[in-house]
Amino acid sequence: MTALTAFLTQHPDTILVTITQAKGSTPREEGAFMLVCATEIFGTIGGGQLEFLAIDNARALLSGSGQTQMDVPLGPEIGQCCGGRTLLSFGKVTPPVAADLESRAAAESAAYPGVMLFGAGHVGHALATALAPLPFRVTVVETRAEALDGLPDAVTARHVAMPEALVKDLPPGSAVVILTHDHALDFLIAREALARGDLAYVGMIGSATKRATFKSWLARETEGAVSSEALVLPIGGTAIRDKRPAVIAALVAAELLVRLAANG
């Protein structure tokens, strides 16, 4: 069950707030939406006073008053300085509306680029957690079943004996991040990923020494047919030299957002 479905199931009496028009500088784009019930919200239309006004109106609508549309200038009148203007629509979430929202969310999720993490050690878990709320379809692959425990619900876990065999089935434009507990396995996965030539990102955790060792091994194993130039190693860049898993995860998440957005 997705977070959206869970919210709609738990809160049947809900108002859908949608940005139907966005002019000038606005915190969110046309089509962005949030759900408002008596005690909770799901999603965001940008935060700040705009969102507070929308929440108040939605709850008033639940109580039998409120407006079905709001035209909000994002200026001094409401204590914001975006300078644009946002038209909001409000409506009760009926079963057909809920079905449409879930269909749209599923289609949007299906269009997200795939990120396959090989390895569920400390960094693998931290990276899965960092990527789970982002616009990616994340899969974590491990040879050790117990290592997959505790991953975020939004992440797909796969326990396999030969992780490198999964690389060939990835859609073009996917990302591969290699962080297993075995350098030999890292090298096998990286060889398969680099040989494809159509992945948006191939990264491996490690040092300059590991990169040099892999480069030499790859040249020998493929007789120079596969280049290591596209390999990102170390992952996360070198600007911040902090080896804590959560820091590495934050840096790699940013790296993936930039690379996959540019590729898209």
C-alpha atoms as a PDB file:
ATOM      1  CA  MET A   1       0.000   0.000   0.000  1.00  0.00           C
ATOM      2  CA  THR A   2       1.380   3.402  -0.959  1.00  0.00           C
ATOM      3  CA  ALA A   3       1.450   6.345   1.449  1.00  0.00           C
ATOM      4  CA  LEU A   4      -1.238   8.046  -0.644  1.00  0.00           C
ATOM      5  CA  THR A   5      -3.539   5.021  -0.529  1.00  0.00           C
ATOM      6  CA  ALA A   6      -2.972   4.638   3.197  1.00  0.00           C
ATOM      7  CA  PHE A   7      -3.891   8.282   3.826  1.00  0.00           C
ATOM      8  CA  LEU A   8      -7.045   8.059   1.725  1.00  0.00           C
ATOM      9  CA  THR A   9      -8.061   4.821   3.451  1.00  0.00           C
ATOM     10  CA  GLN A  10      -7.521   6.204   6.930  1.00  0.00           C
ATOM     11  CA  HIS A  11      -9.143   9.578   6.200  1.00  0.00           C
ATOM     12  CA  PRO A  12     -12.229   9.166   3.982  1.00  0.00           C
ATOM     13  CA  ASP A  13     -13.453  12.682   4.803  1.00  0.00           C
ATOM     14  CA  THR A  14     -10.789  14.679   2.958  1.00  0.00           C
ATOM     15  CA  ILE A  15     -10.486  17.761   0.768  1.00  0.00           C
ATOM     16  CA  LEU A  16      -8.287  17.826  -2.329  1.00  0.00           C
ATOM     17  CA  VAL A  17      -6.463  21.148  -2.794  1.00  0.00           C
ATOM     18  CA  THR A  18      -5.009  21.621  -6.284  1.00  0.00           C
ATOM     19  CA  ILE A  19      -2.976  24.396  -7.872  1.00  0.00           C
ATOM     20  CA  THR A  20      -4.992  24.986 -11.032  1.00  0.00           C
ATOM     21  CA  GLN A  21      -3.032  28.016 -12.173  1.00  0.00           C
ATOM     22  CA  ALA A  22       0.414  29.364 -11.270  1.00  0.00           C
ATOM     23  CA  LYS A  23       1.531  32.755 -12.578  1.00  0.00           C
ATOM     24  CA  GLY A  24       4.971  34.238 -12.084  1.00  0.00           C
ATOM     25  CA  SER A  25       7.163  33.069  -9.210  1.00  0.00           C
ATOM     26  CA  THR A  26       5.298  30.469  -7.142  1.00  0.00           C
ATOM     27  CA  PRO A  27       6.473  27.842  -4.617  1.00  0.00           C
ATOM     28  CA  ARG A  28       4.914  24.941  -6.543  1.00  0.00           C
ATOM     29  CA  GLU A  29       3.861  24.266 -10.116  1.00  0.00           C
ATOM     30  CA  GLU A  30       0.423  23.908 -11.679  1.00  0.00           C
ATOM     31  CA  GLY A  31      -1.049  20.506 -10.859  1.00  0.00           C
ATOM     32  CA  ALA A  32       0.612  20.199  -7.454  1.00  0.00           C
ATOM     33  CA  PHE A  33      -1.839  19.089  -4.788  1.00  0.00           C
ATOM     34  CA  MET A  34      -2.305  18.326  -1.140  1.00  0.00           C
ATOM     35  CA  LEU A  35      -4.938  16.473   0.860  1.00  0.00           C
ATOM     36  CA  VAL A  36      -6.438  17.983   3.994  1.00  0.00           C
ATOM     37  CA  CYS A  37      -8.535  16.211   6.600  1.00  0.00           C
ATOM     38  CA  ALA A  38      -9.641  17.427  10.018  1.00  0.00           C
ATOM     39  CA  THR A  39      -6.370  16.580  11.749  1.00  0.00           C
ATOM     40  CA  GLU A  40      -3.715  15.812   9.137  1.00  0.00           C
ATOM     41  CA  ILE A  41      -2.404  16.770   5.702  1.00  0.00           C
ATOM     42  CA  PHE A  42      -0.752  14.818   2.893  1.00  0.00           C
ATOM     43  CA  GLY A  43       1.552  16.469   0.380  1.00  0.00           C
ATOM     44  CA  THR A  44       2.256  20.176  -0.041  1.00  0.00           C
ATOM     45  CA  ILE A  45       1.429  23.107  -2.298  1.00  0.00           C
ATOM     46  CA  GLY A  46       4.505  24.997  -1.180  1.00  0.00           C
ATOM     47  CA  GLY A  47       4.251  25.751   2.511  1.00  0.00           C
ATOM     48  CA  GLY A  48       4.148  29.167   4.141  1.00  0.00           C
ATOM     49  CA  GLN A  49       1.111  31.400   4.390  1.00  0.00           C
ATOM     50  CA  LEU A  50      -0.310  30.113   1.102  1.00  0.00           C
ATOM     51  CA  GLU A  51      -0.535  26.614   2.540  1.00  0.00           C
ATOM     52  CA  PHE A  52      -1.874  27.791   5.898  1.00  0.00           C
ATOM     53  CA  LEU A  53      -4.665  29.673   4.126  1.00  0.00           C
ATOM     54  CA  ALA A  54      -5.440  26.611   1.991  1.00  0.00           C
ATOM     55  CA  ILE A  55      -5.573  24.297   5.018  1.00  0.00           C
ATOM     56  CA  ASP A  56      -7.878  26.656   6.909  1.00  0.00           C
ATOM     57  CA  ASN A  57     -10.212  26.942   3.925  1.00  0.00           C
ATOM     58  CA  ALA A  58     -10.214  23.170   3.314  1.00  0.00           C
ATOM     59  CA  ARG A  59     -11.170  22.490   6.920  1.00  0.00           C
ATOM     60  CA  ALA A  60     -13.851  25.140   6.737  1.00  0.00           C
ATOM     61  CA  LEU A  61     -15.173  23.347   3.663  1.00  0.00           C
ATOM     62  CA  LEU A  62     -15.274  20.100   5.624  1.00  0.00           C
ATOM     63  CA  SER A  63     -17.403  21.891   8.214  1.00  0.00           C
ATOM     64  CA  GLY A  64     -19.876  23.170   5.649  1.00  0.00           C
ATOM     65  CA  SER A  65     -18.443  26.593   4.828  1.00  0.00           C
ATOM     66  CA  GLY A  66     -15.307  27.637   2.947  1.00  0.00           C
ATOM     67  CA  GLN A  67     -14.683  28.350  -0.724  1.00  0.00           C
ATOM     68  CA  THR A  68     -14.206  26.020  -3.664  1.00  0.00           C
ATOM     69  CA  GLN A  69     -11.668  28.385  -5.235  1.00  0.00           C
ATOM     70  CA  MET A  70      -9.067  30.822  -3.926  1.00  0.00           C
ATOM     71  CA  ASP A  71      -7.055  33.326  -5.959  1.00  0.00           C
ATOM     72  CA  VAL A  72      -4.004  34.108  -3.829  1.00  0.00           C
ATOM     73  CA  PRO A  73      -1.440  36.842  -4.654  1.00  0.00           C
ATOM     74  CA  LEU A  74       1.911  35.805  -3.175  1.00  0.00           C
ATOM     75  CA  GLY A  75       2.903  39.197  -1.861  1.00  0.00           C
ATOM     76  CA  PRO A  76       2.839  41.379   1.264  1.00  0.00           C
ATOM     77  CA  GLU A  77      -0.912  40.801   1.665  1.00  0.00           C
ATOM     78  CA  ILE A  78      -0.232  37.316   3.018  1.00  0.00           C
ATOM     79  CA  GLY A  79       3.326  37.807   4.228  1.00  0.00           C
ATOM     80  CA  GLN A  80       5.068  36.134   1.281  1.00  0.00           C
ATOM     81  CA  CYS A  81       7.424  37.615  -1.273  1.00  0.00           C
ATOM     82  CA  CYS A  82       7.326  35.154  -4.194  1.00  0.00           C
ATOM     83  CA  GLY A  83       5.633  37.796  -6.325  1.00  0.00           C
ATOM     84  CA  GLY A  84       3.472  35.389  -8.296  1.00  0.00           C
ATOM     85  CA  ARG A  85      -0.172  34.428  -8.086  1.00  0.00           C
ATOM     86  CA  THR A  86      -1.757  31.041  -7.424  1.00  0.00           C
ATOM     87  CA  LEU A  87      -5.274  29.845  -8.157  1.00  0.00           C
ATOM     88  CA  LEU A  88      -6.379  27.009  -5.890  1.00  0.00           C
ATOM     89  CA  SER A  89      -9.332  24.667  -6.267  1.00  0.00           C
ATOM     90  CA  PHE A  90     -10.919  22.691  -3.416  1.00  0.00           C
ATOM     91  CA  GLY A  91     -13.094  19.609  -3.681  1.00  0.00           C
ATOM     92  CA  LYS A  92     -14.253  16.623  -1.662  1.00  0.00           C
ATOM     93  CA  VAL A  93     -12.353  13.425  -2.295  1.00  0.00           C
ATOM     94  CA  THR A  94     -14.964  10.999  -3.632  1.00  0.00           C
ATOM     95  CA  PRO A  95     -14.144   7.401  -4.662  1.00  0.00           C
ATOM     96  CA  PRO A  96     -13.649   8.417  -8.342  1.00  0.00           C
ATOM     97  CA  VAL A  97     -11.372  11.306  -7.276  1.00  0.00           C
ATOM     98  CA  ALA A  98      -9.374   8.952  -5.044  1.00  0.00           C
ATOM     99  CA  ALA A  99      -9.022   6.446  -7.883  1.00  0.00           C
ATOM    100  CA  ASP A 100      -7.828   9.192 -10.224  1.00  0.00           C
ATOM    101  CA  LEU A 101      -5.256  10.415  -7.692  1.00  0.00           C
ATOM    102  CA  GLU A 102      -3.930   6.895  -7.187  1.00  0.00           C
ATOM    103  CA  SER A 103      -3.766   6.300 -10.951  1.00  0.00           C
ATOM    104  CA  ARG A 104      -1.873   9.550 -11.481  1.00  0.00           C
ATOM    105  CA  ALA A 105       0.514   8.762  -8.639  1.00  0.00           C
ATOM    106  CA  ALA A 106       1.189   5.279 -10.037  1.00  0.00           C
ATOM    107  CA  ALA A 107       1.885   6.667 -13.515  1.00  0.00           C
ATOM    108  CA  GLU A 108       4.193   9.320 -12.091  1.00  0.00           C
ATOM    109  CA  SER A 109       6.064   6.749 -10.020  1.00  0.00           C
ATOM    110  CA  ALA A 110       6.431   4.417 -13.008  1.00  0.00           C
ATOM    111  CA  ALA A 111       8.123   7.231 -14.927  1.00  0.00           C
ATOM    112  CA  TYR A 112      10.732   7.802 -12.208  1.00  0.00           C
ATOM    113  CA  PRO A 113      14.266   6.709 -13.099  1.00  0.00           C
ATOM    114  CA  GLY A 114      15.365   3.480 -11.495  1.00  0.00           C
ATOM    115  CA  VAL A 115      18.229   3.368  -8.998  1.00  0.00           C
ATOM    116  CA  MET A 116      19.638  -0.033  -8.099  1.00  0.00           C
ATOM    117  CA  LEU A 117      21.795  -0.202  -4.982  1.00  0.00           C
ATOM    118  CA  PHE A 118      24.030  -3.244  -4.752  1.00  0.00           C
ATOM    119  CA  GLY A 119      24.776  -3.835  -1.091  1.00  0.00           C
ATOM    120  CA  ALA A 120      22.788  -3.248   2.082  1.00  0.00           C
ATOM    121  CA  GLY A 121      25.518  -2.494   4.561  1.00  0.00           C
ATOM    122  CA  HIS A 122      25.655   0.710   6.616  1.00  0.00           C
ATOM    123  CA  VAL A 123      26.010   2.975   3.580  1.00  0.00           C
ATOM    124  CA  GLY A 124      23.479   0.987   1.559  1.00  0.00           C
ATOM    125  CA  HIS A 125      20.853   1.379   4.278  1.00  0.00           C
ATOM    126  CA  ALA A 126      21.648   5.071   4.741  1.00  0.00           C
ATOM    127  CA  LEU A 127      21.436   5.684   0.996  1.00  0.00           C
ATOM    128  CA  ALA A 128      18.165   3.752   0.659  1.00  0.00           C
ATOM    129  CA  THR A 129      16.719   5.894   3.441  1.00  0.00           C
ATOM    130  CA  ALA A 130      17.939   9.101   1.783  1.00  0.00           C
ATOM    131  CA  LEU A 131      16.537   8.113  -1.627  1.00  0.00           C
ATOM    132  CA  ALA A 132      13.183   6.698  -0.477  1.00  0.00           C
ATOM    133  CA  PRO A 133      11.279  10.051  -0.478  1.00  0.00           C
ATOM    134  CA  LEU A 134      12.906  11.257  -3.709  1.00  0.00           C
ATOM    135  CA  PRO A 135      11.532  10.793  -7.265  1.00  0.00           C
ATOM    136  CA  PHE A 136      13.312   7.481  -7.880  1.00  0.00           C
ATOM    137  CA  ARG A 137      12.312   3.829  -8.025  1.00  0.00           C
ATOM    138  CA  VAL A 138      14.835   2.336  -5.627  1.00  0.00           C
ATOM    139  CA  THR A 139      15.844  -1.322  -5.455  1.00  0.00           C
ATOM    140  CA  VAL A 140      18.378  -2.740  -3.006  1.00  0.00           C
ATOM    141  CA  VAL A 141      20.104  -5.980  -3.952  1.00  0.00           C
ATOM    142  CA  GLU A 142      21.917  -8.267  -1.504  1.00  0.00           C
ATOM    143  CA  THR A 143      23.331 -11.789  -1.305  1.00  0.00           C
ATOM    144  CA  ARG A 144      22.718 -11.773   2.479  1.00  0.00           C
ATOM    145  CA  ALA A 145      19.010 -11.992   3.277  1.00  0.00           C
ATOM    146  CA  GLU A 146      19.360 -10.610   6.805  1.00  0.00           C
ATOM    147  CA  ALA A 147      21.044  -7.449   5.509  1.00  0.00           C
ATOM    148  CA  LEU A 148      17.799  -6.449   3.792  1.00  0.00           C
ATOM    149  CA  ASP A 149      15.903  -6.121   7.075  1.00  0.00           C
ATOM    150  CA  GLY A 150      14.823  -2.628   8.067  1.00  0.00           C
ATOM    151  CA  LEU A 151      14.775  -0.970   4.651  1.00  0.00           C
ATOM    152  CA  PRO A 152      12.187   1.796   4.017  1.00  0.00           C
ATOM    153  CA  ASP A 153       8.786   0.591   2.831  1.00  0.00           C
ATOM    154  CA  ALA A 154       9.130   2.528  -0.435  1.00  0.00           C
ATOM    155  CA  VAL A 155      12.236   0.555  -1.398  1.00  0.00           C
ATOM    156  CA  THR A 156      12.181  -2.823  -3.175  1.00  0.00           C
ATOM    157  CA  ALA A 157      14.459  -5.450  -1.622  1.00  0.00           C
ATOM    158  CA  ARG A 158      15.911  -8.311  -3.655  1.00  0.00           C
ATOM    159  CA  HIS A 159      17.834 -11.267  -2.250  1.00  0.00           C
ATOM    160  CA  VAL A 160      19.795 -12.945  -5.035  1.00  0.00           C
ATOM    161  CA  ALA A 161      22.817 -15.208  -5.374  1.00  0.00           C
ATOM    162  CA  MET A 162      24.333 -13.426  -8.385  1.00  0.00           C
ATOM    163  CA  PRO A 163      23.677  -9.683  -8.221  1.00  0.00           C
ATOM    164  CA  GLU A 164      25.688  -8.937 -11.369  1.00  0.00           C
ATOM    165  CA  ALA A 165      23.125 -10.881 -13.420  1.00  0.00           C
ATOM    166  CA  LEU A 166      20.472  -8.228 -12.705  1.00  0.00           C
ATOM    167  CA  VAL A 167      22.338  -5.439 -14.489  1.00  0.00           C
ATOM    168  CA  LYS A 168      21.328  -6.560 -17.962  1.00  0.00           C
ATOM    169  CA  ASP A 169      17.622  -6.141 -17.164  1.00  0.00           C
ATOM    170  CA  LEU A 170      17.796  -2.501 -16.049  1.00  0.00           C
ATOM    171  CA  PRO A 171      16.018   0.031 -18.301  1.00  0.00           C
ATOM    172  CA  PRO A 172      18.313   2.437 -20.173  1.00  0.00           C
ATOM    173  CA  GLY A 173      18.947   5.604 -18.183  1.00  0.00           C
ATOM    174  CA  SER A 174      18.948   3.807 -14.837  1.00  0.00           C
ATOM    175  CA  ALA A 175      21.533   4.324 -12.121  1.00  0.00           C
ATOM    176  CA  VAL A 176      23.703   1.712 -10.452  1.00  0.00           C
ATOM    177  CA  VAL A 177      25.400   2.313  -7.106  1.00  0.00           C
ATOM    178  CA  ILE A 178      27.802  -0.412  -5.976  1.00  0.00           C
ATOM    179  CA  LEU A 179      28.494  -0.785  -2.253  1.00  0.00           C
ATOM    180  CA  THR A 180      28.752  -4.476  -1.483  1.00  0.00           C
ATOM    181  CA  HIS A 181      30.871  -6.105   1.217  1.00  0.00           C
ATOM    182  CA  ASP A 182      33.017  -7.848  -1.428  1.00  0.00           C
ATOM    183  CA  HIS A 183      35.436  -6.014  -3.739  1.00  0.00           C
ATOM    184  CA  ALA A 184      35.449  -8.884  -6.231  1.00  0.00           C
ATOM    185  CA  LEU A 185      31.657  -8.677  -6.462  1.00  0.00           C
ATOM    186  CA  ASP A 186      31.868  -4.890  -6.808  1.00  0.00           C
ATOM    187  CA  PHE A 187      34.144  -5.366  -9.810  1.00  0.00           C
ATOM    188  CA  LEU A 188      31.844  -7.921 -11.464  1.00  0.00           C
ATOM    189  CA  ILE A 189      28.807  -5.636 -11.112  1.00  0.00           C
ATOM    190  CA  ALA A 190      30.726  -2.602 -12.367  1.00  0.00           C
ATOM    191  CA  ARG A 191      31.986  -4.495 -15.401  1.00  0.00           C
ATOM    192  CA  GLU A 192      28.442  -5.475 -16.395  1.00  0.00           C
ATOM    193  CA  ALA A 193      27.133  -1.949 -15.826  1.00  0.00           C
ATOM    194  CA  LEU A 194      29.907  -0.160 -17.725  1.00  0.00           C
ATOM    195  CA  ALA A 195      29.695  -2.627 -20.615  1.00  0.00           C
ATOM    196  CA  ARG A 196      26.109  -1.517 -21.296  1.00  0.00           C
ATOM    197  CA  GLY A 197      26.972   2.080 -22.121  1.00  0.00           C
ATOM    198  CA  ASP A 198      23.380   3.304 -21.692  1.00  0.00           C
ATOM    199  CA  LEU A 199      23.115   3.790 -17.935  1.00  0.00           C
ATOM    200  CA  ALA A 200      22.885   7.319 -16.575  1.00  0.00           C
ATOM    201  CA  TYR A 201      25.123   6.671 -13.599  1.00  0.00           C
ATOM    202  CA  VAL A 202      27.485   3.925 -12.485  1.00  0.00           C
ATOM    203  CA  GLY A 203      29.090   4.591  -9.119  1.00  0.00           C
ATOM    204  CA  MET A 204      31.174   2.547  -6.707  1.00  0.00           C
ATOM    205  CA  ILE A 205      32.149   3.230  -3.120  1.00  0.00           C
ATOM    206  CA  GLY A 206      35.893   3.271  -2.556  1.00  0.00           C
ATOM    207  CA  SER A 207      39.178   5.121  -2.833  1.00  0.00           C
ATOM    208  CA  ALA A 208      41.599   6.235  -5.523  1.00  0.00           C
ATOM    209  CA  THR A 209      43.504   3.007  -4.916  1.00  0.00           C
ATOM    210  CA  LYS A 210      40.378   0.933  -5.513  1.00  0.00           C
ATOM    211  CA  ARG A 211      39.719   2.859  -8.718  1.00  0.00           C
ATOM    212  CA  ALA A 212      43.247   2.176  -9.989  1.00  0.00           C
ATOM    213  CA  THR A 213      42.942  -1.512  -9.110  1.00  0.00           C
ATOM    214  CA  PHE A 214      39.574  -1.778 -10.845  1.00  0.00           C
ATOM    215  CA  LYS A 215      40.841   0.038 -13.943  1.00  0.00           C
ATOM    216  CA  SER A 216      43.720  -2.408 -14.277  1.00  0.00           C
ATOM    217  CA  TRP A 217      41.448  -5.415 -13.648  1.00  0.00           C
ATOM    218  CA  LEU A 218      38.836  -4.225 -16.148  1.00  0.00           C
ATOM    219  CA  ALA A 219      41.400  -3.657 -18.883  1.00  0.00           C
ATOM    220  CA  ARG A 220      42.755  -7.147 -18.345  1.00  0.00           C
ATOM    221  CA  GLU A 221      39.353  -8.853 -18.071  1.00  0.00           C
ATOM    222  CA  THR A 222      37.823  -7.181 -21.143  1.00  0.00           C
ATOM    223  CA  GLU A 223      41.037  -6.768 -23.160  1.00  0.00           C
ATOM    224  CA  GLY A 224      40.352  -3.033 -23.259  1.00  0.00           C
ATOM    225  CA  ALA A 225      36.846  -3.417 -24.713  1.00  0.00           C
ATOM    226  CA  VAL A 226      35.170  -1.756 -21.712  1.00  0.00           C
ATOM    227  CA  SER A 227      36.333   1.607 -20.375  1.00  0.00           C
ATOM    228  CA  SER A 228      36.275   2.656 -16.728  1.00  0.00           C
ATOM    229  CA  GLU A 229      36.075   6.363 -17.574  1.00  0.00           C
ATOM    230  CA  ALA A 230      32.315   6.571 -16.899  1.00  0.00           C
ATOM    231  CA  LEU A 231      32.692   5.079 -13.419  1.00  0.00           C
ATOM    232  CA  VAL A 232      32.024   7.476 -10.544  1.00  0.00           C
ATOM    233  CA  LEU A 233      34.519   6.524  -7.849  1.00  0.00           C
ATOM    234  CA  PRO A 234      34.506   7.774  -5.186  1.00  0.00           C
ATOM    235  CA  ILE A 235      30.753   8.305  -5.065  1.00  0.00           C
ATOM    236  CA  GLY A 236      29.566  11.586  -3.585  1.00  0.00           C
ATOM    237  CA  GLY A 237      32.583  13.563  -4.792  1.00  0.00           C
ATOM    238  CA  THR A 238      35.620  14.714  -2.839  1.00  0.00           C
ATOM    239  CA  ALA A 239      34.571  18.168  -1.624  1.00  0.00           C
ATOM    240  CA  ILE A 240      33.521  16.805   1.777  1.00  0.00           C
ATOM    241  CA  ARG A 241      35.777  14.140   3.245  1.00  0.00           C
ATOM    242  CA  ASP A 242      33.397  12.637   5.768  1.00  0.00           C
ATOM    243  CA  LYS A 243      32.976   8.878   5.822  1.00  0.00           C
ATOM    244  CA  ARG A 244      29.899   8.648   8.037  1.00  0.00           C
ATOM    245  CA  PRO A 245      27.215   6.624   6.167  1.00  0.00           C
ATOM    246  CA  ALA A 246      24.539   9.332   6.475  1.00  0.00           C
ATOM    247  CA  VAL A 247      26.879  11.981   5.055  1.00  0.00           C
ATOM    248  CA  ILE A 248      27.943   9.765   2.151  1.00  0.00           C
ATOM    249  CA  ALA A 249      24.261   9.021   1.511  1.00  0.00           C
ATOM    250  CA  ALA A 250      23.348  12.715   1.406  1.00  0.00           C
ATOM    251  CA  LEU A 251      26.164  13.472  -1.032  1.00  0.00           C
ATOM    252  CA  VAL A 252      25.296  10.540  -3.306  1.00  0.00           C
ATOM    253  CA  ALA A 253      21.582  11.413  -3.246  1.00  0.00           C
ATOM    254  CA  ALA A 254      22.438  14.926  -4.457  1.00  0.00           C
ATOM    255  CA  GLU A 255      24.770  13.478  -7.093  1.00  0.00           C
ATOM    256  CA  LEU A 256      22.038  11.191  -8.383  1.00  0.00           C
ATOM    257  CA  LEU A 257      19.455  13.979  -8.499  1.00  0.00           C
ATOM    258  CA  VAL A 258      21.780  16.118 -10.612  1.00  0.00           C
ATOM    259  CA  ARG A 259      22.884  13.299 -12.912  1.00  0.00           C
ATOM    260  CA  LEU A 260      19.461  11.765 -13.502  1.00  0.00           C
ATOM    261  CA  ALA A 261      17.735  15.122 -13.923  1.00  0.00           C
ATOM    262  CA  ALA A 262      20.323  16.117 -16.516  1.00  0.00           C
ATOM    263  CA  ASN A 263      19.958  12.763 -18.255  1.00  0.00           C
ATOM    264  CA  GLY A 264      16.160  13.137 -18.310  1.00  0.00           C
END
